[in-house]
Amino acid sequence: MSLPVIYLPEARDDIDAAYAVYEARQPGLGDPFLQAVDDRVSQIQANPAMYGSVNGDVRAAPLRRFPYVVYYRVQATQIEIIAVQHGRRSSSNWQSRV
């Protein structure tokens, strides 16, 4: 049985902001971004230990087509999505969330 996934509100804000950037660049490009996030989160849910730790118990799963990383933590009863941020963004942005 897979663990349920929850998103911190800040992670939802990250996704919304990235979506808006891609839509501003090219209308319709935000949808493939959302699909890439959903695909990666489904993969994380199926195999939470697949990606390595980057800071304590926080793991990082890069997206394939987009330069973003899903930061998450596996807890006893759930998988917590902490952030979805550009790979070049400073890690201090999401570290304050843990």
Protein backbone atom coordinates (compact mmCIF):
# COMPACT_ATOMS: atom_id res chain seq x y z
CA MET A 1 0.00 0.00 0.00
CA SER A 2 1.36 3.42 -0.94
CA LEU A 3 1.41 6.35 1.43
CA PRO A 4 -0.82 9.36 0.79
CA VAL A 5 0.85 12.49 -0.54
CA ILE A 6 0.31 15.90 1.02
CA TYR A 7 1.65 19.22 -0.24
CA LEU A 8 2.76 22.05 2.00
CA PRO A 9 0.93 25.25 1.01
CA GLU A 10 4.30 26.71 -0.01
CA ALA A 11 4.86 23.80 -2.39
CA ARG A 12 1.48 24.50 -4.00
CA ASP A 13 2.56 28.14 -4.33
CA ASP A 14 5.81 26.98 -6.00
CA ILE A 15 3.85 24.95 -8.54
CA ASP A 16 1.41 27.79 -9.23
CA ALA A 17 4.25 30.28 -9.74
CA ALA A 18 6.15 27.98 -12.11
CA TYR A 19 2.96 27.27 -14.04
CA ALA A 20 2.38 31.02 -14.46
CA VAL A 21 5.94 31.53 -15.73
CA TYR A 22 5.59 28.79 -18.34
CA GLU A 23 2.16 30.05 -19.43
CA ALA A 24 3.57 33.57 -19.80
CA ARG A 25 6.41 32.25 -21.99
CA GLN A 26 4.16 30.16 -24.18
CA PRO A 27 0.45 29.58 -23.67
CA GLY A 28 -0.17 25.88 -23.04
CA LEU A 29 3.35 25.14 -21.74
CA GLY A 30 2.15 25.17 -18.13
CA ASP A 31 0.07 22.04 -18.64
CA PRO A 32 3.04 19.80 -19.54
CA PHE A 33 4.82 21.21 -16.49
CA LEU A 34 1.91 20.21 -14.25
CA GLN A 35 1.88 16.77 -15.86
CA ALA A 36 5.62 16.39 -15.22
CA VAL A 37 5.10 17.26 -11.55
CA ASP A 38 2.19 14.82 -11.27
CA ASP A 39 4.20 12.06 -12.97
CA ARG A 40 7.16 12.57 -10.64
CA VAL A 41 4.97 12.65 -7.52
CA SER A 42 3.27 9.42 -8.64
CA GLN A 43 6.69 7.86 -9.07
CA ILE A 44 7.72 9.08 -5.60
CA GLN A 45 4.53 7.61 -4.15
CA ALA A 46 5.21 4.25 -5.79
CA ASN A 47 8.83 4.13 -4.61
CA PRO A 48 9.61 6.80 -1.97
CA ALA A 49 13.22 5.66 -1.43
CA MET A 50 14.12 5.96 -5.12
CA TYR A 51 15.73 9.39 -4.77
CA GLY A 52 18.61 10.30 -2.51
CA SER A 53 18.65 12.51 0.53
CA VAL A 54 19.92 16.06 0.13
CA ASN A 55 19.42 17.38 3.65
CA GLY A 56 18.68 15.03 6.53
CA ASP A 57 15.51 13.15 5.63
CA VAL A 58 14.60 15.44 2.70
CA ARG A 59 14.91 13.83 -0.72
CA ALA A 60 15.15 15.48 -4.15
CA ALA A 61 13.51 14.19 -7.34
CA PRO A 62 14.30 16.18 -10.50
CA LEU A 63 11.71 16.55 -13.23
CA ARG A 64 12.60 15.20 -16.66
CA ARG A 65 11.63 17.91 -19.11
CA PHE A 66 11.76 20.93 -16.83
CA PRO A 67 14.65 22.21 -14.65
CA TYR A 68 12.67 21.80 -11.43
CA VAL A 69 13.15 19.55 -8.42
CA VAL A 70 10.51 18.06 -6.11
CA TYR A 71 11.75 18.13 -2.51
CA TYR A 72 9.93 15.71 -0.25
CA ARG A 73 10.08 13.85 3.01
CA VAL A 74 8.79 10.35 3.77
CA GLN A 75 7.03 10.19 7.10
CA ALA A 76 5.43 7.25 8.90
CA THR A 77 1.94 7.92 7.55
CA GLN A 78 2.46 10.15 4.52
CA ILE A 79 4.77 11.64 1.94
CA GLU A 80 5.15 15.38 2.39
CA ILE A 81 5.97 17.53 -0.65
CA ILE A 82 8.01 20.40 0.77
CA ALA A 83 8.89 22.36 -2.36
CA VAL A 84 8.93 22.29 -6.15
CA GLN A 85 11.66 24.70 -7.14
CA HIS A 86 13.97 25.52 -10.01
CA GLY A 87 17.18 23.51 -9.80
CA ARG A 88 19.30 26.66 -9.78
CA ARG A 89 17.41 28.29 -6.94
CA SER A 90 19.16 28.44 -3.59
CA SER A 91 18.35 25.54 -1.30
CA SER A 92 17.86 27.97 1.58
CA ASN A 93 14.46 28.81 0.06
CA TRP A 94 13.00 25.42 0.90
CA GLN A 95 15.18 24.52 3.89
CA SER A 96 13.28 26.97 6.08
CA ARG A 97 10.18 24.82 5.48
CA VAL A 98 11.53 21.74 7.23
